[in-house]
Amino acid sequence: MKNQPFLRRLGFAAAGLRFAAANERSFRSQLGLGLCLLVALALLRPPAVWWALCLLASGLVFTAEMINTGLEQALDRLHPEQHDGIRIAKDCAAGAVLLASMTALGIGALTVLAATGAI
């Protein structure tokens, strides 16, 4: 499957996004929060740098969730039974999503404070 044309590779990526949106409750929740973020940014009108930081943080949360989803799917397929090593790998991937989410939340809070003149 290497060296496929660009549009075909783009189709693979879109299929992954569709799978996550259809099958992962966390991803759907994050999509909803992403829409709330866009509304909040539009209402608060912070400087462009805060938009960039919020969008970057949000993108990292989505990226971590997609990697977590892919890892879970692969590991569950390859080794459906319980195994400590697989549990640890899946827990670490979920922890990465949590860290990215906490970072995004912190950036969002700072954005609100900056936009309202509190800092």
PDB file of N, CA and C in Angstrom:
ATOM      1  N   MET A   1       0.811  -1.188   0.000  1.00  0.00           N
ATOM      2  CA  MET A   1       0.000   0.000   0.000  1.00  0.00           C
ATOM      3  C   MET A   1       0.861   1.262   0.000  1.00  0.00           C
ATOM      4  N   LYS A   2       2.158   1.129  -0.069  1.00  0.00           N
ATOM      5  CA  LYS A   2       3.042   2.300  -0.095  1.00  0.00           C
ATOM      6  C   LYS A   2       2.955   2.994  -1.440  1.00  0.00           C
ATOM      7  N   ASN A   3       3.314   4.277  -1.429  1.00  0.00           N
ATOM      8  CA  ASN A   3       3.433   5.086  -2.641  1.00  0.00           C
ATOM      9  C   ASN A   3       2.138   5.206  -3.438  1.00  0.00           C
ATOM     10  N   GLN A   4       1.029   5.320  -2.729  1.00  0.00           N
ATOM     11  CA  GLN A   4      -0.261   5.524  -3.377  1.00  0.00           C
ATOM     12  C   GLN A   4      -0.376   6.986  -3.809  1.00  0.00           C
ATOM     13  N   PRO A   5      -1.205   7.285  -4.806  1.00  0.00           N
ATOM     14  CA  PRO A   5      -1.423   8.682  -5.199  1.00  0.00           C
ATOM     15  C   PRO A   5      -1.994   9.496  -4.031  1.00  0.00           C
ATOM     16  N   PHE A   6      -1.753  10.791  -4.073  1.00  0.00           N
ATOM     17  CA  PHE A   6      -2.156  11.675  -2.982  1.00  0.00           C
ATOM     18  C   PHE A   6      -3.646  11.562  -2.665  1.00  0.00           C
ATOM     19  N   LEU A   7      -4.495  11.605  -3.656  1.00  0.00           N
ATOM     20  CA  LEU A   7      -5.935  11.561  -3.393  1.00  0.00           C
ATOM     21  C   LEU A   7      -6.356  10.253  -2.735  1.00  0.00           C
ATOM     22  N   ARG A   8      -5.698   9.182  -3.084  1.00  0.00           N
ATOM     23  CA  ARG A   8      -6.007   7.901  -2.445  1.00  0.00           C
ATOM     24  C   ARG A   8      -5.582   7.915  -0.978  1.00  0.00           C
ATOM     25  N   ARG A   9      -4.400   8.475  -0.704  1.00  0.00           N
ATOM     26  CA  ARG A   9      -3.937   8.582   0.688  1.00  0.00           C
ATOM     27  C   ARG A   9      -4.867   9.480   1.487  1.00  0.00           C
ATOM     28  N   LEU A  10      -5.344  10.546   0.860  1.00  0.00           N
ATOM     29  CA  LEU A  10      -6.293  11.437   1.510  1.00  0.00           C
ATOM     30  C   LEU A  10      -7.585  10.686   1.839  1.00  0.00           C
ATOM     31  N   GLY A  11      -7.995   9.804   0.950  1.00  0.00           N
ATOM     32  CA  GLY A  11      -9.170   8.968   1.213  1.00  0.00           C
ATOM     33  C   GLY A  11      -8.979   8.055   2.407  1.00  0.00           C
ATOM     34  N   PHE A  12      -7.777   7.496   2.556  1.00  0.00           N
ATOM     35  CA  PHE A  12      -7.493   6.647   3.715  1.00  0.00           C
ATOM     36  C   PHE A  12      -7.616   7.459   5.006  1.00  0.00           C
ATOM     37  N   ALA A  13      -7.057   8.668   4.976  1.00  0.00           N
ATOM     38  CA  ALA A  13      -7.122   9.532   6.159  1.00  0.00           C
ATOM     39  C   ALA A  13      -8.565   9.893   6.483  1.00  0.00           C
ATOM     40  N   ALA A  14      -9.346  10.220   5.463  1.00  0.00           N
ATOM     41  CA  ALA A  14     -10.755  10.557   5.678  1.00  0.00           C
ATOM     42  C   ALA A  14     -11.511   9.357   6.246  1.00  0.00           C
ATOM     43  N   ALA A  15     -11.189   8.166   5.788  1.00  0.00           N
ATOM     44  CA  ALA A  15     -11.837   6.959   6.311  1.00  0.00           C
ATOM     45  C   ALA A  15     -11.524   6.784   7.796  1.00  0.00           C
ATOM     46  N   GLY A  16     -10.299   7.076   8.185  1.00  0.00           N
ATOM     47  CA  GLY A  16      -9.930   6.996   9.599  1.00  0.00           C
ATOM     48  C   GLY A  16     -10.696   7.999  10.442  1.00  0.00           C
ATOM     49  N   LEU A  17     -10.835   9.214   9.930  1.00  0.00           N
ATOM     50  CA  LEU A  17     -11.606  10.228  10.650  1.00  0.00           C
ATOM     51  C   LEU A  17     -13.077   9.819  10.768  1.00  0.00           C
ATOM     52  N   ARG A  18     -13.635   9.284   9.681  1.00  0.00           N
ATOM     53  CA  ARG A  18     -15.027   8.833   9.720  1.00  0.00           C
ATOM     54  C   ARG A  18     -15.198   7.695  10.729  1.00  0.00           C
ATOM     55  N   PHE A  19     -14.242   6.764  10.756  1.00  0.00           N
ATOM     56  CA  PHE A  19     -14.321   5.652  11.709  1.00  0.00           C
ATOM     57  C   PHE A  19     -14.323   6.174  13.135  1.00  0.00           C
ATOM     58  N   ALA A  20     -13.393   7.077  13.436  1.00  0.00           N
ATOM     59  CA  ALA A  20     -13.311   7.616  14.802  1.00  0.00           C
ATOM     60  C   ALA A  20     -14.597   8.355  15.174  1.00  0.00           C
ATOM     61  N   ALA A  21     -15.118   9.151  14.247  1.00  0.00           N
ATOM     62  CA  ALA A  21     -16.349   9.898  14.529  1.00  0.00           C
ATOM     63  C   ALA A  21     -17.533   8.962  14.733  1.00  0.00           C
ATOM     64  N   ALA A  22     -17.569   7.872  14.002  1.00  0.00           N
ATOM     65  CA  ALA A  22     -18.697   6.942  14.092  1.00  0.00           C
ATOM     66  C   ALA A  22     -18.593   6.003  15.289  1.00  0.00           C
ATOM     67  N   ASN A  23     -17.376   5.705  15.736  1.00  0.00           N
ATOM     68  CA  ASN A  23     -17.192   4.633  16.716  1.00  0.00           C
ATOM     69  C   ASN A  23     -16.612   5.053  18.050  1.00  0.00           C
ATOM     70  N   GLU A  24     -16.101   6.251  18.159  1.00  0.00           N
ATOM     71  CA  GLU A  24     -15.443   6.675  19.397  1.00  0.00           C
ATOM     72  C   GLU A  24     -16.205   7.824  20.039  1.00  0.00           C
ATOM     73  N   ARG A  25     -16.831   7.543  21.168  1.00  0.00           N
ATOM     74  CA  ARG A  25     -17.589   8.564  21.889  1.00  0.00           C
ATOM     75  C   ARG A  25     -16.688   9.734  22.280  1.00  0.00           C
ATOM     76  N   SER A  26     -15.471   9.446  22.706  1.00  0.00           N
ATOM     77  CA  SER A  26     -14.546  10.516  23.090  1.00  0.00           C
ATOM     78  C   SER A  26     -14.271  11.452  21.915  1.00  0.00           C
ATOM     79  N   PHE A  27     -14.096  10.895  20.733  1.00  0.00           N
ATOM     80  CA  PHE A  27     -13.813  11.716  19.561  1.00  0.00           C
ATOM     81  C   PHE A  27     -15.010  12.613  19.252  1.00  0.00           C
ATOM     82  N   ARG A  28     -16.211  12.062  19.360  1.00  0.00           N
ATOM     83  CA  ARG A  28     -17.403  12.883  19.112  1.00  0.00           C
ATOM     84  C   ARG A  28     -17.533  13.985  20.153  1.00  0.00           C
ATOM     85  N   SER A  29     -17.220  13.673  21.407  1.00  0.00           N
ATOM     86  CA  SER A  29     -17.248  14.704  22.449  1.00  0.00           C
ATOM     87  C   SER A  29     -16.240  15.801  22.137  1.00  0.00           C
ATOM     88  N   GLN A  30     -15.063  15.404  21.701  1.00  0.00           N
ATOM     89  CA  GLN A  30     -14.025  16.379  21.377  1.00  0.00           C
ATOM     90  C   GLN A  30     -14.421  17.221  20.166  1.00  0.00           C
ATOM     91  N   LEU A  31     -15.126  16.629  19.208  1.00  0.00           N
ATOM     92  CA  LEU A  31     -15.626  17.411  18.081  1.00  0.00           C
ATOM     93  C   LEU A  31     -16.606  18.481  18.572  1.00  0.00           C
ATOM     94  N   GLY A  32     -17.482  18.104  19.478  1.00  0.00           N
ATOM     95  CA  GLY A  32     -18.423  19.072  20.044  1.00  0.00           C
ATOM     96  C   GLY A  32     -17.715  20.185  20.789  1.00  0.00           C
ATOM     97  N   LEU A  33     -16.709  19.810  21.569  1.00  0.00           N
ATOM     98  CA  LEU A  33     -15.934  20.828  22.287  1.00  0.00           C
ATOM     99  C   LEU A  33     -15.162  21.713  21.314  1.00  0.00           C
ATOM    100  N   GLY A  34     -14.703  21.135  20.211  1.00  0.00           N
ATOM    101  CA  GLY A  34     -14.012  21.926  19.194  1.00  0.00           C
ATOM    102  C   GLY A  34     -14.929  22.973  18.586  1.00  0.00           C
ATOM    103  N   LEU A  35     -16.191  22.601  18.351  1.00  0.00           N
ATOM    104  CA  LEU A  35     -17.164  23.575  17.846  1.00  0.00           C
ATOM    105  C   LEU A  35     -17.426  24.666  18.883  1.00  0.00           C
ATOM    106  N   CYS A  36     -17.525  24.281  20.150  1.00  0.00           N
ATOM    107  CA  CYS A  36     -17.690  25.268  21.225  1.00  0.00           C
ATOM    108  C   CYS A  36     -16.489  26.209  21.273  1.00  0.00           C
ATOM    109  N   LEU A  37     -15.308  25.668  21.050  1.00  0.00           N
ATOM    110  CA  LEU A  37     -14.102  26.492  21.020  1.00  0.00           C
ATOM    111  C   LEU A  37     -14.198  27.552  19.926  1.00  0.00           C
ATOM    112  N   LEU A  38     -14.616  27.138  18.744  1.00  0.00           N
ATOM    113  CA  LEU A  38     -14.727  28.092  17.636  1.00  0.00           C
ATOM    114  C   LEU A  38     -15.737  29.189  17.945  1.00  0.00           C
ATOM    115  N   VAL A  39     -16.853  28.823  18.561  1.00  0.00           N
ATOM    116  CA  VAL A  39     -17.858  29.819  18.937  1.00  0.00           C
ATOM    117  C   VAL A  39     -17.281  30.774  19.983  1.00  0.00           C
ATOM    118  N   ALA A  40     -16.606  30.214  20.985  1.00  0.00           N
ATOM    119  CA  ALA A  40     -16.020  31.056  22.033  1.00  0.00           C
ATOM    120  C   ALA A  40     -14.981  32.010  21.452  1.00  0.00           C
ATOM    121  N   LEU A  41     -14.136  31.510  20.557  1.00  0.00           N
ATOM    122  CA  LEU A  41     -13.139  32.383  19.933  1.00  0.00           C
ATOM    123  C   LEU A  41     -13.798  33.487  19.121  1.00  0.00           C
ATOM    124  N   ALA A  42     -14.861  33.150  18.406  1.00  0.00           N
ATOM    125  CA  ALA A  42     -15.565  34.154  17.604  1.00  0.00           C
ATOM    126  C   ALA A  42     -16.206  35.221  18.489  1.00  0.00           C
ATOM    127  N   LEU A  43     -16.724  34.813  19.644  1.00  0.00           N
ATOM    128  CA  LEU A  43     -17.353  35.767  20.554  1.00  0.00           C
ATOM    129  C   LEU A  43     -16.327  36.602  21.316  1.00  0.00           C
ATOM    130  N   LEU A  44     -15.260  35.971  21.775  1.00  0.00           N
ATOM    131  CA  LEU A  44     -14.252  36.673  22.578  1.00  0.00           C
ATOM    132  C   LEU A  44     -13.310  37.541  21.738  1.00  0.00           C
ATOM    133  N   ARG A  45     -13.108  37.143  20.485  1.00  0.00           N
ATOM    134  CA  ARG A  45     -12.221  37.851  19.563  1.00  0.00           C
ATOM    135  C   ARG A  45     -10.826  38.132  20.151  1.00  0.00           C
ATOM    136  N   PRO A  46     -10.153  37.081  20.630  1.00  0.00           N
ATOM    137  CA  PRO A  46      -8.806  37.308  21.151  1.00  0.00           C
ATOM    138  C   PRO A  46      -7.833  37.586  19.998  1.00  0.00           C
ATOM    139  N   PRO A  47      -6.636  38.090  20.307  1.00  0.00           N
ATOM    140  CA  PRO A  47      -5.634  38.287  19.256  1.00  0.00           C
ATOM    141  C   PRO A  47      -5.315  36.970  18.537  1.00  0.00           C
ATOM    142  N   ALA A  48      -4.787  37.093  17.338  1.00  0.00           N
ATOM    143  CA  ALA A  48      -4.532  35.929  16.477  1.00  0.00           C
ATOM    144  C   ALA A  48      -3.648  34.882  17.141  1.00  0.00           C
ATOM    145  N   VAL A  49      -2.709  35.305  17.958  1.00  0.00           N
ATOM    146  CA  VAL A  49      -1.822  34.328  18.595  1.00  0.00           C
ATOM    147  C   VAL A  49      -2.607  33.385  19.503  1.00  0.00           C
ATOM    148  N   TRP A  50      -3.663  33.889  20.166  1.00  0.00           N
ATOM    149  CA  TRP A  50      -4.480  33.032  21.020  1.00  0.00           C
ATOM    150  C   TRP A  50      -5.322  32.080  20.189  1.00  0.00           C
ATOM    151  N   TRP A  51      -5.811  32.552  19.030  1.00  0.00           N
ATOM    152  CA  TRP A  51      -6.506  31.657  18.096  1.00  0.00           C
ATOM    153  C   TRP A  51      -5.562  30.516  17.708  1.00  0.00           C
ATOM    154  N   ALA A  52      -4.344  30.887  17.348  1.00  0.00           N
ATOM    155  CA  ALA A  52      -3.376  29.888  16.895  1.00  0.00           C
ATOM    156  C   ALA A  52      -3.081  28.875  17.995  1.00  0.00           C
ATOM    157  N   LEU A  53      -2.880  29.355  19.207  1.00  0.00           N
ATOM    158  CA  LEU A  53      -2.591  28.435  20.315  1.00  0.00           C
ATOM    159  C   LEU A  53      -3.765  27.499  20.582  1.00  0.00           C
ATOM    160  N   CYS A  54      -4.979  28.042  20.551  1.00  0.00           N
ATOM    161  CA  CYS A  54      -6.159  27.207  20.795  1.00  0.00           C
ATOM    162  C   CYS A  54      -6.346  26.173  19.691  1.00  0.00           C
ATOM    163  N   LEU A  55      -6.181  26.592  18.449  1.00  0.00           N
ATOM    164  CA  LEU A  55      -6.344  25.654  17.339  1.00  0.00           C
ATOM    165  C   LEU A  55      -5.255  24.589  17.338  1.00  0.00           C
ATOM    166  N   LEU A  56      -4.037  24.990  17.681  1.00  0.00           N
ATOM    167  CA  LEU A  56      -2.945  24.020  17.779  1.00  0.00           C
ATOM    168  C   LEU A  56      -3.220  23.003  18.882  1.00  0.00           C
ATOM    169  N   ALA A  57      -3.632  23.487  20.043  1.00  0.00           N
ATOM    170  CA  ALA A  57      -3.918  22.582  21.162  1.00  0.00           C
ATOM    171  C   ALA A  57      -5.074  21.649  20.816  1.00  0.00           C
ATOM    172  N   SER A  58      -6.100  22.184  20.190  1.00  0.00           N
ATOM    173  CA  SER A  58      -7.240  21.361  19.790  1.00  0.00           C
ATOM    174  C   SER A  58      -6.811  20.304  18.782  1.00  0.00           C
ATOM    175  N   GLY A  59      -6.004  20.697  17.818  1.00  0.00           N
ATOM    176  CA  GLY A  59      -5.504  19.749  16.828  1.00  0.00           C
ATOM    177  C   GLY A  59      -4.682  18.642  17.457  1.00  0.00           C
ATOM    178  N   LEU A  60      -3.917  18.988  18.484  1.00  0.00           N
ATOM    179  CA  LEU A  60      -3.118  17.963  19.168  1.00  0.00           C
ATOM    180  C   LEU A  60      -4.006  16.980  19.922  1.00  0.00           C
ATOM    181  N   VAL A  61      -5.102  17.456  20.485  1.00  0.00           N
ATOM    182  CA  VAL A  61      -6.040  16.545  21.157  1.00  0.00           C
ATOM    183  C   VAL A  61      -6.635  15.572  20.138  1.00  0.00           C
ATOM    184  N   PHE A  62      -7.086  16.104  18.992  1.00  0.00           N
ATOM    185  CA  PHE A  62      -7.636  15.233  17.950  1.00  0.00           C
ATOM    186  C   PHE A  62      -6.588  14.236  17.459  1.00  0.00           C
ATOM    187  N   THR A  63      -5.363  14.700  17.290  1.00  0.00           N
ATOM    188  CA  THR A  63      -4.288  13.818  16.832  1.00  0.00           C
ATOM    189  C   THR A  63      -4.025  12.707  17.834  1.00  0.00           C
ATOM    190  N   ALA A  64      -3.934  13.061  19.106  1.00  0.00           N
ATOM    191  CA  ALA A  64      -3.705  12.045  20.140  1.00  0.00           C
ATOM    192  C   ALA A  64      -4.849  11.039  20.172  1.00  0.00           C
ATOM    193  N   GLU A  65      -6.071  11.517  20.018  1.00  0.00           N
ATOM    194  CA  GLU A  65      -7.224  10.610  20.033  1.00  0.00           C
ATOM    195  C   GLU A  65      -7.188   9.661  18.842  1.00  0.00           C
ATOM    196  N   MET A  66      -6.808  10.158  17.683  1.00  0.00           N
ATOM    197  CA  MET A  66      -6.718   9.294  16.499  1.00  0.00           C
ATOM    198  C   MET A  66      -5.628   8.230  16.679  1.00  0.00           C
ATOM    199  N   ILE A  67      -4.484   8.620  17.224  1.00  0.00           N
ATOM    200  CA  ILE A  67      -3.413   7.649  17.477  1.00  0.00           C
ATOM    201  C   ILE A  67      -3.883   6.620  18.502  1.00  0.00           C
ATOM    202  N   ASN A  68      -4.559   7.072  19.550  1.00  0.00           N
ATOM    203  CA  ASN A  68      -5.092   6.171  20.559  1.00  0.00           C
ATOM    204  C   ASN A  68      -6.080   5.184  19.943  1.00  0.00           C
ATOM    205  N   THR A  69      -6.970   5.679  19.095  1.00  0.00           N
ATOM    206  CA  THR A  69      -7.959   4.820  18.440  1.00  0.00           C
ATOM    207  C   THR A  69      -7.275   3.786  17.555  1.00  0.00           C
ATOM    208  N   GLY A  70      -6.319   4.214  16.760  1.00  0.00           N
ATOM    209  CA  GLY A  70      -5.597   3.285  15.887  1.00  0.00           C
ATOM    210  C   GLY A  70      -4.859   2.214  16.675  1.00  0.00           C
ATOM    211  N   LEU A  71      -4.208   2.622  17.741  1.00  0.00           N
ATOM    212  CA  LEU A  71      -3.474   1.670  18.577  1.00  0.00           C
ATOM    213  C   LEU A  71      -4.433   0.665  19.209  1.00  0.00           C
ATOM    214  N   GLU A  72      -5.539   1.147  19.755  1.00  0.00           N
ATOM    215  CA  GLU A  72      -6.515   0.241  20.357  1.00  0.00           C
ATOM    216  C   GLU A  72      -7.048  -0.764  19.344  1.00  0.00           C
ATOM    217  N   GLN A  73      -7.391  -0.286  18.151  1.00  0.00           N
ATOM    218  CA  GLN A  73      -7.921  -1.172  17.115  1.00  0.00           C
ATOM    219  C   GLN A  73      -6.897  -2.242  16.742  1.00  0.00           C
ATOM    220  N   ALA A  74      -5.659  -1.829  16.533  1.00  0.00           N
ATOM    221  CA  ALA A  74      -4.617  -2.787  16.136  1.00  0.00           C
ATOM    222  C   ALA A  74      -4.356  -3.803  17.233  1.00  0.00           C
ATOM    223  N   LEU A  75      -4.210  -3.332  18.464  1.00  0.00           N
ATOM    224  CA  LEU A  75      -3.893  -4.249  19.558  1.00  0.00           C
ATOM    225  C   LEU A  75      -5.051  -5.195  19.855  1.00  0.00           C
ATOM    226  N   ASP A  76      -6.273  -4.698  19.799  1.00  0.00           N
ATOM    227  CA  ASP A  76      -7.424  -5.574  20.041  1.00  0.00           C
ATOM    228  C   ASP A  76      -7.545  -6.641  18.960  1.00  0.00           C
ATOM    229  N   ARG A  77      -7.181  -6.290  17.748  1.00  0.00           N
ATOM    230  CA  ARG A  77      -7.238  -7.245  16.635  1.00  0.00           C
ATOM    231  C   ARG A  77      -6.119  -8.286  16.752  1.00  0.00           C
ATOM    232  N   LEU A  78      -4.926  -7.827  17.083  1.00  0.00           N
ATOM    233  CA  LEU A  78      -3.776  -8.734  17.146  1.00  0.00           C
ATOM    234  C   LEU A  78      -3.794  -9.623  18.377  1.00  0.00           C
ATOM    235  N   HIS A  79      -4.326  -9.107  19.481  1.00  0.00           N
ATOM    236  CA  HIS A  79      -4.300  -9.864  20.729  1.00  0.00           C
ATOM    237  C   HIS A  79      -5.569  -9.564  21.519  1.00  0.00           C
ATOM    238  N   PRO A  80      -6.684 -10.233  21.182  1.00  0.00           N
ATOM    239  CA  PRO A  80      -7.968  -9.905  21.814  1.00  0.00           C
ATOM    240  C   PRO A  80      -8.053 -10.270  23.299  1.00  0.00           C
ATOM    241  N   GLU A  81      -7.180 -11.158  23.757  1.00  0.00           N
ATOM    242  CA  GLU A  81      -7.223 -11.541  25.163  1.00  0.00           C
ATOM    243  C   GLU A  81      -6.578 -10.443  26.021  1.00  0.00           C
ATOM    244  N   GLN A  82      -6.878 -10.496  27.319  1.00  0.00           N
ATOM    245  CA  GLN A  82      -6.266  -9.563  28.262  1.00  0.00           C
ATOM    246  C   GLN A  82      -4.771  -9.856  28.379  1.00  0.00           C
ATOM    247  N   HIS A  83      -3.975  -8.804  28.380  1.00  0.00           N
ATOM    248  CA  HIS A  83      -2.530  -8.946  28.544  1.00  0.00           C
ATOM    249  C   HIS A  83      -2.001  -7.671  29.174  1.00  0.00           C
ATOM    250  N   ASP A  84      -1.152  -7.823  30.199  1.00  0.00           N
ATOM    251  CA  ASP A  84      -0.656  -6.645  30.921  1.00  0.00           C
ATOM    252  C   ASP A  84       0.083  -5.671  30.015  1.00  0.00           C
ATOM    253  N   GLY A  85       0.897  -6.169  29.096  1.00  0.00           N
ATOM    254  CA  GLY A  85       1.647  -5.283  28.212  1.00  0.00           C
ATOM    255  C   GLY A  85       0.734  -4.482  27.294  1.00  0.00           C
ATOM    256  N   ILE A  86      -0.299  -5.119  26.799  1.00  0.00           N
ATOM    257  CA  ILE A  86      -1.246  -4.422  25.925  1.00  0.00           C
ATOM    258  C   ILE A  86      -2.065  -3.423  26.729  1.00  0.00           C
ATOM    259  N   ARG A  87      -2.459  -3.802  27.932  1.00  0.00           N
ATOM    260  CA  ARG A  87      -3.193  -2.872  28.789  1.00  0.00           C
ATOM    261  C   ARG A  87      -2.354  -1.631  29.055  1.00  0.00           C
ATOM    262  N   ILE A  88      -1.088  -1.818  29.356  1.00  0.00           N
ATOM    263  CA  ILE A  88      -0.202  -0.682  29.625  1.00  0.00           C
ATOM    264  C   ILE A  88      -0.069   0.209  28.388  1.00  0.00           C
ATOM    265  N   ALA A  89       0.104  -0.392  27.211  1.00  0.00           N
ATOM    266  CA  ALA A  89       0.226   0.396  25.978  1.00  0.00           C
ATOM    267  C   ALA A  89      -1.043   1.219  25.738  1.00  0.00           C
ATOM    268  N   LYS A  90      -2.204   0.593  25.934  1.00  0.00           N
ATOM    269  CA  LYS A  90      -3.467   1.304  25.723  1.00  0.00           C
ATOM    270  C   LYS A  90      -3.666   2.384  26.786  1.00  0.00           C
ATOM    271  N   ASP A  91      -3.286   2.100  28.024  1.00  0.00           N
ATOM    272  CA  ASP A  91      -3.396   3.098  29.083  1.00  0.00           C
ATOM    273  C   ASP A  91      -2.479   4.294  28.814  1.00  0.00           C
ATOM    274  N   CYS A  92      -1.286   4.026  28.308  1.00  0.00           N
ATOM    275  CA  CYS A  92      -0.358   5.116  27.992  1.00  0.00           C
ATOM    276  C   CYS A  92      -0.905   5.987  26.861  1.00  0.00           C
ATOM    277  N   ALA A  93      -1.488   5.364  25.854  1.00  0.00           N
ATOM    278  CA  ALA A  93      -2.073   6.131  24.760  1.00  0.00           C
ATOM    279  C   ALA A  93      -3.244   6.977  25.264  1.00  0.00           C
ATOM    280  N   ALA A  94      -4.064   6.412  26.138  1.00  0.00           N
ATOM    281  CA  ALA A  94      -5.167   7.175  26.722  1.00  0.00           C
ATOM    282  C   ALA A  94      -4.628   8.311  27.592  1.00  0.00           C
ATOM    283  N   GLY A  95      -3.522   8.048  28.284  1.00  0.00           N
ATOM    284  CA  GLY A  95      -2.883   9.098  29.084  1.00  0.00           C
ATOM    285  C   GLY A  95      -2.388  10.241  28.213  1.00  0.00           C
ATOM    286  N   ALA A  96      -1.914   9.923  27.021  1.00  0.00           N
ATOM    287  CA  ALA A  96      -1.462  10.969  26.094  1.00  0.00           C
ATOM    288  C   ALA A  96      -2.634  11.856  25.691  1.00  0.00           C
ATOM    289  N   VAL A  97      -3.795  11.261  25.468  1.00  0.00           N
ATOM    290  CA  VAL A  97      -4.993  12.047  25.136  1.00  0.00           C
ATOM    291  C   VAL A  97      -5.347  12.950  26.321  1.00  0.00           C
ATOM    292  N   LEU A  98      -5.274  12.397  27.526  1.00  0.00           N
ATOM    293  CA  LEU A  98      -5.588  13.180  28.718  1.00  0.00           C
ATOM    294  C   LEU A  98      -4.627  14.358  28.871  1.00  0.00           C
ATOM    295  N   LEU A  99      -3.336  14.127  28.682  1.00  0.00           N
ATOM    296  CA  LEU A  99      -2.353  15.219  28.789  1.00  0.00           C
ATOM    297  C   LEU A  99      -2.605  16.300  27.740  1.00  0.00           C
ATOM    298  N   ALA A 100      -2.880  15.882  26.514  1.00  0.00           N
ATOM    299  CA  ALA A 100      -3.173  16.859  25.457  1.00  0.00           C
ATOM    300  C   ALA A 100      -4.434  17.645  25.802  1.00  0.00           C
ATOM    301  N   SER A 101      -5.436  16.972  26.339  1.00  0.00           N
ATOM    302  CA  SER A 101      -6.689  17.636  26.703  1.00  0.00           C
ATOM    303  C   SER A 101      -6.480  18.626  27.841  1.00  0.00           C
ATOM    304  N   MET A 102      -5.698  18.249  28.841  1.00  0.00           N
ATOM    305  CA  MET A 102      -5.417  19.152  29.958  1.00  0.00           C
ATOM    306  C   MET A 102      -4.644  20.376  29.481  1.00  0.00           C
ATOM    307  N   THR A 103      -3.710  20.175  28.570  1.00  0.00           N
ATOM    308  CA  THR A 103      -2.964  21.289  27.999  1.00  0.00           C
ATOM    309  C   THR A 103      -3.890  22.223  27.237  1.00  0.00           C
ATOM    310  N   ALA A 104      -4.779  21.648  26.431  1.00  0.00           N
ATOM    311  CA  ALA A 104      -5.737  22.460  25.672  1.00  0.00           C
ATOM    312  C   ALA A 104      -6.650  23.236  26.614  1.00  0.00           C
ATOM    313  N   LEU A 105      -7.074  22.617  27.686  1.00  0.00           N
ATOM    314  CA  LEU A 105      -7.927  23.292  28.658  1.00  0.00           C
ATOM    315  C   LEU A 105      -7.192  24.469  29.294  1.00  0.00           C
ATOM    316  N   GLY A 106      -5.925  24.267  29.630  1.00  0.00           N
ATOM    317  CA  GLY A 106      -5.127  25.356  30.196  1.00  0.00           C
ATOM    318  C   GLY A 106      -4.968  26.512  29.222  1.00  0.00           C
ATOM    319  N   ILE A 107      -4.696  26.198  27.969  1.00  0.00           N
ATOM    320  CA  ILE A 107      -4.565  27.241  26.949  1.00  0.00           C
ATOM    321  C   ILE A 107      -5.905  27.962  26.757  1.00  0.00           C
ATOM    322  N   GLY A 108      -6.990  27.206  26.772  1.00  0.00           N
ATOM    323  CA  GLY A 108      -8.317  27.817  26.653  1.00  0.00           C
ATOM    324  C   GLY A 108      -8.607  28.765  27.807  1.00  0.00           C
ATOM    325  N   ALA A 109      -8.258  28.360  29.024  1.00  0.00           N
ATOM    326  CA  ALA A 109      -8.484  29.217  30.186  1.00  0.00           C
ATOM    327  C   ALA A 109      -7.654  30.501  30.087  1.00  0.00           C
ATOM    328  N   LEU A 110      -6.402  30.356  29.676  1.00  0.00           N
ATOM    329  CA  LEU A 110      -5.554  31.545  29.501  1.00  0.00           C
ATOM    330  C   LEU A 110      -6.083  32.455  28.405  1.00  0.00           C
ATOM    331  N   THR A 111      -6.636  31.866  27.366  1.00  0.00           N
ATOM    332  CA  THR A 111      -7.210  32.657  26.279  1.00  0.00           C
ATOM    333  C   THR A 111      -8.380  33.491  26.772  1.00  0.00           C
ATOM    334  N   VAL A 112      -9.258  32.865  27.572  1.00  0.00           N
ATOM    335  CA  VAL A 112     -10.397  33.591  28.122  1.00  0.00           C
ATOM    336  C   VAL A 112      -9.909  34.726  29.022  1.00  0.00           C
ATOM    337  N   LEU A 113      -8.933  34.435  29.868  1.00  0.00           N
ATOM    338  CA  LEU A 113      -8.398  35.478  30.756  1.00  0.00           C
ATOM    339  C   LEU A 113      -7.779  36.615  29.971  1.00  0.00           C
ATOM    340  N   ALA A 114      -7.033  36.273  28.921  1.00  0.00           N
ATOM    341  CA  ALA A 114      -6.400  37.304  28.100  1.00  0.00           C
ATOM    342  C   ALA A 114      -7.445  38.119  27.340  1.00  0.00           C
ATOM    343  N   ALA A 115      -8.463  37.450  26.810  1.00  0.00           N
ATOM    344  CA  ALA A 115      -9.477  38.143  26.015  1.00  0.00           C
ATOM    345  C   ALA A 115     -10.344  39.060  26.862  1.00  0.00           C
ATOM    346  N   THR A 116     -10.493  38.733  28.135  1.00  0.00           N
ATOM    347  CA  THR A 116     -11.314  39.561  29.014  1.00  0.00           C
ATOM    348  C   THR A 116     -10.501  40.593  29.774  1.00  0.00           C
ATOM    349  N   GLY A 117      -9.188  40.612  29.520  1.00  0.00           N
ATOM    350  CA  GLY A 117      -8.322  41.603  30.161  1.00  0.00           C
ATOM    351  C   GLY A 117      -7.893  41.245  31.572  1.00  0.00           C
ATOM    352  N   ALA A 118      -8.160  40.019  31.997  1.00  0.00           N
ATOM    353  CA  ALA A 118      -7.792  39.611  33.359  1.00  0.00           C
ATOM    354  C   ALA A 118      -6.282  39.385  33.498  1.00  0.00           C
ATOM    355  N   ILE A 119      -5.606  39.128  32.389  1.00  0.00           N
ATOM    356  CA  ILE A 119      -4.140  38.989  32.439  1.00  0.00           C
ATOM    357  C   ILE A 119      -3.512  39.816  31.335  1.00  0.00           C
TER     358      ILE A 119
END
